[in-house]
Amino acid sequence: SSGFSRANPYYMLPQGRVVQVAAMNSREILALLIEISGVGLYEKKREESLKILEDSQRKKVKVDEILGNINSKLTELEEECEELKEYQ
């Protein structure tokens, strides 16, 4: 944890943490800013949503394929039904 309080909208640094933050390199500061801003949480939720979307698209393709098979079988059965009506 960054040591920041989310309850405080000003994100004040606790005593002793200023020196630590000042000594951080740019990557560490970026990671800290991402944590403070909540972007990390957003990215995690975004990844989860994209995975759900991918799964849904795969399932849709599968359902479309099954529906196509059912429709072709239905067409065959309707043709057979018409042939049987002709013989009666």
N, C-alpha and C. Protein backbone atom coordinates (compact mmCIF):
# COMPACT_ATOMS: atom_id res chain seq x y z
N SER A 1 0.84 -1.19 0.00
CA SER A 1 0.00 0.00 0.00
C SER A 1 0.88 1.24 0.00
N SER A 2 0.36 2.26 -0.59
CA SER A 2 1.13 3.49 -0.74
C SER A 2 1.24 4.28 0.55
N GLY A 3 0.37 4.01 1.51
CA GLY A 3 0.40 4.76 2.75
C GLY A 3 -0.48 5.99 2.70
N PHE A 4 -1.20 6.16 1.61
CA PHE A 4 -2.10 7.28 1.46
C PHE A 4 -3.47 6.91 1.99
N SER A 5 -4.19 7.89 2.45
CA SER A 5 -5.54 7.66 2.94
C SER A 5 -6.54 8.04 1.85
N ARG A 6 -7.36 7.07 1.44
CA ARG A 6 -8.38 7.35 0.41
C ARG A 6 -9.51 8.22 0.99
N ALA A 7 -9.65 8.21 2.31
CA ALA A 7 -10.68 9.02 2.95
C ALA A 7 -10.33 10.51 2.87
N ASN A 8 -9.05 10.82 2.74
CA ASN A 8 -8.61 12.20 2.67
C ASN A 8 -8.43 12.57 1.19
N PRO A 9 -9.24 13.48 0.67
CA PRO A 9 -9.15 13.81 -0.75
C PRO A 9 -7.86 14.52 -1.15
N TYR A 10 -7.07 14.94 -0.19
CA TYR A 10 -5.83 15.66 -0.51
C TYR A 10 -4.62 14.73 -0.57
N TYR A 11 -4.79 13.48 -0.23
CA TYR A 11 -3.72 12.49 -0.28
C TYR A 11 -2.42 13.02 0.33
N MET A 12 -2.51 13.34 1.60
CA MET A 12 -1.35 13.86 2.30
C MET A 12 -0.39 12.73 2.62
N LEU A 13 0.90 13.03 2.52
CA LEU A 13 1.93 12.04 2.83
C LEU A 13 2.13 11.97 4.34
N PRO A 14 2.18 10.75 4.87
CA PRO A 14 2.48 10.63 6.30
C PRO A 14 3.92 11.06 6.59
N GLN A 15 4.16 11.44 7.82
CA GLN A 15 5.49 11.89 8.21
C GLN A 15 6.48 10.76 7.97
N GLY A 16 7.63 11.08 7.40
CA GLY A 16 8.64 10.08 7.12
C GLY A 16 8.51 9.48 5.72
N ARG A 17 7.37 9.62 5.12
CA ARG A 17 7.13 9.06 3.78
C ARG A 17 7.61 10.02 2.70
N VAL A 18 7.76 11.31 3.01
CA VAL A 18 8.19 12.30 2.03
C VAL A 18 9.58 11.96 1.49
N VAL A 19 10.49 11.58 2.36
CA VAL A 19 11.84 11.25 1.94
C VAL A 19 11.81 10.02 1.04
N GLN A 20 10.98 9.05 1.41
CA GLN A 20 10.85 7.83 0.61
C GLN A 20 10.35 8.15 -0.81
N VAL A 21 9.33 8.98 -0.90
CA VAL A 21 8.76 9.34 -2.21
C VAL A 21 9.77 10.16 -3.00
N ALA A 22 10.47 11.04 -2.35
CA ALA A 22 11.46 11.87 -3.05
C ALA A 22 12.60 11.03 -3.61
N ALA A 23 12.90 9.91 -2.98
CA ALA A 23 14.00 9.06 -3.43
C ALA A 23 13.57 8.04 -4.49
N MET A 24 12.28 7.99 -4.80
CA MET A 24 11.79 7.01 -5.77
C MET A 24 12.23 7.37 -7.18
N ASN A 25 12.41 6.33 -8.00
CA ASN A 25 12.69 6.59 -9.42
C ASN A 25 11.35 6.81 -10.13
N SER A 26 11.43 7.17 -11.40
CA SER A 26 10.21 7.54 -12.12
C SER A 26 9.21 6.39 -12.23
N ARG A 27 9.69 5.15 -12.38
CA ARG A 27 8.78 4.00 -12.47
C ARG A 27 8.03 3.79 -11.16
N GLU A 28 8.72 3.95 -10.05
CA GLU A 28 8.08 3.79 -8.74
C GLU A 28 7.05 4.90 -8.51
N ILE A 29 7.38 6.10 -8.94
CA ILE A 29 6.44 7.22 -8.79
C ILE A 29 5.21 6.97 -9.65
N LEU A 30 5.42 6.49 -10.87
CA LEU A 30 4.28 6.17 -11.75
C LEU A 30 3.40 5.10 -11.12
N ALA A 31 4.01 4.05 -10.57
CA ALA A 31 3.25 2.99 -9.91
C ALA A 31 2.46 3.54 -8.73
N LEU A 32 3.06 4.45 -7.98
CA LEU A 32 2.39 5.08 -6.85
C LEU A 32 1.20 5.92 -7.32
N LEU A 33 1.40 6.69 -8.38
CA LEU A 33 0.31 7.51 -8.91
C LEU A 33 -0.83 6.65 -9.44
N ILE A 34 -0.50 5.53 -10.08
CA ILE A 34 -1.53 4.62 -10.57
C ILE A 34 -2.33 4.05 -9.40
N GLU A 35 -1.65 3.69 -8.34
CA GLU A 35 -2.33 3.16 -7.15
C GLU A 35 -3.23 4.22 -6.52
N ILE A 36 -2.71 5.43 -6.40
CA ILE A 36 -3.48 6.52 -5.77
C ILE A 36 -4.71 6.87 -6.58
N SER A 37 -4.54 6.94 -7.90
CA SER A 37 -5.64 7.39 -8.75
C SER A 37 -6.71 6.33 -8.98
N GLY A 38 -6.39 5.08 -8.70
CA GLY A 38 -7.37 4.02 -8.91
C GLY A 38 -7.33 3.45 -10.31
N VAL A 39 -6.37 3.85 -11.11
CA VAL A 39 -6.25 3.36 -12.48
C VAL A 39 -5.98 1.85 -12.48
N GLY A 40 -5.23 1.37 -11.52
CA GLY A 40 -4.93 -0.06 -11.43
C GLY A 40 -6.20 -0.88 -11.27
N LEU A 41 -7.10 -0.40 -10.43
CA LEU A 41 -8.38 -1.08 -10.23
C LEU A 41 -9.20 -1.05 -11.52
N TYR A 42 -9.20 0.10 -12.19
CA TYR A 42 -9.90 0.23 -13.47
C TYR A 42 -9.35 -0.77 -14.49
N GLU A 43 -8.03 -0.87 -14.59
CA GLU A 43 -7.40 -1.78 -15.54
C GLU A 43 -7.77 -3.23 -15.23
N LYS A 44 -7.79 -3.59 -13.95
CA LYS A 44 -8.15 -4.95 -13.57
C LYS A 44 -9.59 -5.26 -13.98
N LYS A 45 -10.50 -4.33 -13.69
CA LYS A 45 -11.90 -4.54 -14.08
C LYS A 45 -12.05 -4.58 -15.59
N ARG A 46 -11.27 -3.78 -16.28
CA ARG A 46 -11.32 -3.75 -17.75
C ARG A 46 -10.88 -5.10 -18.32
N GLU A 47 -9.80 -5.65 -17.77
CA GLU A 47 -9.32 -6.96 -18.23
C GLU A 47 -10.37 -8.04 -17.98
N GLU A 48 -11.00 -8.00 -16.81
CA GLU A 48 -12.05 -8.97 -16.50
C GLU A 48 -13.22 -8.83 -17.47
N SER A 49 -13.60 -7.59 -17.77
CA SER A 49 -14.70 -7.35 -18.70
C SER A 49 -14.37 -7.82 -20.10
N LEU A 50 -13.14 -7.60 -20.53
CA LEU A 50 -12.72 -8.06 -21.86
C LEU A 50 -12.74 -9.58 -21.94
N LYS A 51 -12.35 -10.25 -20.86
CA LYS A 51 -12.38 -11.71 -20.84
C LYS A 51 -13.82 -12.20 -20.94
N ILE A 52 -14.72 -11.59 -20.20
CA ILE A 52 -16.13 -11.96 -20.26
C ILE A 52 -16.68 -11.73 -21.66
N LEU A 53 -16.31 -10.61 -22.28
CA LEU A 53 -16.75 -10.31 -23.64
C LEU A 53 -16.24 -11.36 -24.62
N GLU A 54 -14.98 -11.74 -24.49
CA GLU A 54 -14.40 -12.78 -25.35
C GLU A 54 -15.15 -14.09 -25.21
N ASP A 55 -15.42 -14.49 -23.96
CA ASP A 55 -16.17 -15.72 -23.71
C ASP A 55 -17.56 -15.65 -24.33
N SER A 56 -18.20 -14.50 -24.19
CA SER A 56 -19.54 -14.32 -24.75
C SER A 56 -19.51 -14.42 -26.27
N GLN A 57 -18.50 -13.85 -26.89
CA GLN A 57 -18.39 -13.91 -28.35
C GLN A 57 -18.16 -15.34 -28.82
N ARG A 58 -17.33 -16.10 -28.08
CA ARG A 58 -17.11 -17.51 -28.43
C ARG A 58 -18.41 -18.29 -28.33
N LYS A 59 -19.17 -18.04 -27.27
CA LYS A 59 -20.44 -18.73 -27.08
C LYS A 59 -21.43 -18.35 -28.18
N LYS A 60 -21.43 -17.10 -28.60
CA LYS A 60 -22.32 -16.65 -29.66
C LYS A 60 -22.01 -17.36 -30.96
N VAL A 61 -20.73 -17.50 -31.27
CA VAL A 61 -20.32 -18.21 -32.49
C VAL A 61 -20.82 -19.65 -32.44
N LYS A 62 -20.67 -20.27 -31.28
CA LYS A 62 -21.12 -21.65 -31.11
C LYS A 62 -22.64 -21.76 -31.28
N VAL A 63 -23.38 -20.82 -30.68
CA VAL A 63 -24.84 -20.81 -30.80
C VAL A 63 -25.26 -20.58 -32.24
N ASP A 64 -24.59 -19.67 -32.94
CA ASP A 64 -24.90 -19.41 -34.35
C ASP A 64 -24.68 -20.66 -35.20
N GLU A 65 -23.62 -21.38 -34.88
CA GLU A 65 -23.32 -22.62 -35.61
C GLU A 65 -24.43 -23.66 -35.38
N ILE A 66 -24.82 -23.83 -34.14
CA ILE A 66 -25.89 -24.77 -33.80
C ILE A 66 -27.20 -24.36 -34.46
N LEU A 67 -27.49 -23.07 -34.42
CA LEU A 67 -28.71 -22.56 -35.04
C LEU A 67 -28.70 -22.81 -36.55
N GLY A 68 -27.56 -22.64 -37.19
CA GLY A 68 -27.44 -22.93 -38.61
C GLY A 68 -27.72 -24.39 -38.91
N ASN A 69 -27.18 -25.28 -38.06
CA ASN A 69 -27.45 -26.71 -38.23
C ASN A 69 -28.93 -27.03 -38.06
N ILE A 70 -29.55 -26.43 -37.07
CA ILE A 70 -30.98 -26.66 -36.84
C ILE A 70 -31.80 -26.15 -38.02
N ASN A 71 -31.45 -24.97 -38.53
CA ASN A 71 -32.20 -24.42 -39.67
C ASN A 71 -32.06 -25.29 -40.91
N SER A 72 -30.86 -25.82 -41.16
CA SER A 72 -30.69 -26.68 -42.33
C SER A 72 -31.47 -27.98 -42.16
N LYS A 73 -31.48 -28.52 -40.94
CA LYS A 73 -32.26 -29.74 -40.67
C LYS A 73 -33.74 -29.45 -40.82
N LEU A 74 -34.19 -28.29 -40.37
CA LEU A 74 -35.59 -27.90 -40.49
C LEU A 74 -35.99 -27.80 -41.96
N THR A 75 -35.13 -27.22 -42.77
CA THR A 75 -35.40 -27.10 -44.20
C THR A 75 -35.54 -28.49 -44.82
N GLU A 76 -34.64 -29.41 -44.46
CA GLU A 76 -34.72 -30.78 -44.97
C GLU A 76 -36.03 -31.44 -44.57
N LEU A 77 -36.42 -31.26 -43.30
CA LEU A 77 -37.65 -31.87 -42.81
C LEU A 77 -38.88 -31.28 -43.49
N GLU A 78 -38.86 -29.98 -43.75
CA GLU A 78 -39.99 -29.35 -44.45
C GLU A 78 -40.10 -29.89 -45.87
N GLU A 79 -38.97 -30.11 -46.54
CA GLU A 79 -38.99 -30.68 -47.89
C GLU A 79 -39.54 -32.11 -47.86
N GLU A 80 -39.11 -32.88 -46.86
CA GLU A 80 -39.63 -34.24 -46.73
C GLU A 80 -41.13 -34.23 -46.47
N CYS A 81 -41.57 -33.29 -45.66
CA CYS A 81 -43.00 -33.16 -45.34
C CYS A 81 -43.79 -32.86 -46.62
N GLU A 82 -43.29 -31.98 -47.44
CA GLU A 82 -43.95 -31.65 -48.71
C GLU A 82 -44.01 -32.87 -49.63
N GLU A 83 -42.92 -33.66 -49.68
CA GLU A 83 -42.91 -34.87 -50.50
C GLU A 83 -43.95 -35.87 -50.01
N LEU A 84 -44.04 -36.01 -48.69
CA LEU A 84 -45.01 -36.95 -48.12
C LEU A 84 -46.44 -36.51 -48.41
N LYS A 85 -46.68 -35.20 -48.40
CA LYS A 85 -48.03 -34.69 -48.71
C LYS A 85 -48.40 -34.99 -50.15
N GLU A 86 -47.41 -34.97 -51.04
CA GLU A 86 -47.68 -35.27 -52.45
C GLU A 86 -48.12 -36.71 -52.65
N TYR A 87 -47.59 -37.64 -51.87
CA TYR A 87 -47.91 -39.05 -52.01
C TYR A 87 -49.23 -39.41 -51.36
N GLN A 88 -49.76 -38.57 -50.52
CA GLN A 88 -51.02 -38.90 -49.85
C GLN A 88 -52.22 -38.56 -50.67
